[in-house]
């Protein structure tokens, strides 16, 4: 009876076979919610408790390139408003989220989610035109509403936003001019305002109506939606929580002009380790392809073995000796000749190379190398102990003692005649790090050749900070952290008005350098800012406001199979990914 339908049955059979083949070969979409299975490519087998297996690709399709990097610490919140509280969060979130602006390899600002911007002549208003070709990773268009929602969360009381961020943003007014235009109005000109707009933005369609106190525990923090080049693919569970975080190139980013080329690292898996030693062992064993902030000896050993490359950048930190101008015992540090003598009698480059070889380079500016503000032509006082001794020979160490309080009502005792300072001696405070203690002791020996008696005192980091804050030190070897900001503005460190409120721990009171910092701050268009900072650096050196010693280096060790890594100016270690589009893994 079916003889008449033979050709129809044959076609039906062929179609069924084709359908079955298509179902077997189709790619499996991997979402952010975990479920038990075997690991993704690049995930350790022991970390496989929450991974869905991807099917094998067809024979003519290349397997996705998986790059594995080690991070030290625990994952907490992949939320750009909170990520800077935790280095692991910060590094991963930098690939998922974008701000209105970013920075290039020299720390100069460039548009990201902004098309462009204009600044009024008085420096008080910034008008941003937003891009209209950007989608959130769930496909919703990016608009000005997302900017407004993010800023509202930064301004709202009762949340978990850092006090400094909240205090700043409450001084800024925001107005949506249309769906793709935003205006900010400042209370006073601030050239570093663009730096505040590097913070990653949040989607309004997720956070509208969310109370600030809900931000810290919101499910979004472990299933983020950004606009950046990578999106969360999977959280991989281990025995003690999240053991790895898998990202993939975001399809919506591929649609943008900047996403249509490069990004050959289709997947990135960040493996989390409890200690630097555990992460380093994983790198040695070939379990990961890269690790940041590796110490110099370990990096050299790996490179000599021929299995790794070291990419070096400069950390946004300055190691310096601060002289306390406000301490009653060390008021002599207000005398410029004394400070210059101390700088000239110290072999600064030799000290750094002897005690911090491979870990730091000699400092030559209060700005970080690689920044557009760093001037390489500053003429510092040369190492010359003989001339330093001559400077001290002309210093009058006879200082008047303070006027005593009245002893009889209506009468005061006579002010005593100036009395010589009982020798030139002071204590040099330093961190209890062995290399820095040795450096401080070597420095004390060099100053002793001038007849200066220096005692070194090593204390833990928290005690050192407390002593700086309270002014209870004569001189201190410290590391001044410029991290978190790509803007070079050092106002809080060296301006005379920042003693007691900022980080001018020395009580530096120099009007010329303070004026140059003020002028640079009031030049938001940047036309003269570089010139002001160049003049500031030379004045800083001439007046020897502090003795700059070193910049710690950031060593990023990768497999020798990874090409295209370029490390430019680092405002934070996350900036190492700035050239990620061009990385290739052989």
Foldseek 3Di string as FASTA:
>chain_A
DCVVVVVVVVVVVVVVVVVVVCVLQPWDAFAAFFAQDADDVLDDRQLRGTDDDIDDHPPPDDDAAEAEEEDEDDAAFLALQCQVVDVVSVLVNVQFFWFQWDADLQLDIDGDQFPDWDADPQQFKIKTFGDQLFAKLVGHTDWVLQVVLQLCLQQDPPADGDPVSNVQSVQKDWDDPDGGMIMIGGPHHFQQVVQNRGGGTADCVVCPPPDRHCVSVDPCRSQPIHRGQKHWRYFGAHPVGGQKTKIAGRPSQCPDPVNVAFPSNGMYIYGYDNDPVVSLVCVVVVSHFKYKQDAQVSQVVCVVVVFKDKDKDFAQKFWWKAAACPDPLQVVVLDLLLLLLLQQLDPQQVLCCVLPNRFWGWDQFLFGPQHPLDDPPADFRHNDNVVSLVSVVPDQQFDFDDQDDAPDVPDGDDGDDTDGNPFAEFEEEEAPDVSGQVSVVVSQVSVVVSVYHYHYDHDHPVVVVVCLLVLVGRMYGDMDHLAPGSDRQPLCCAALVNDNPGNVSNNDDDDVLNVLSVVLRSCNVPPCNSVSSVVSGNVCRSSSNIRTRITTMMIMMGTPQKDQFDNGHDSDVSCSCVRVSNIDGD
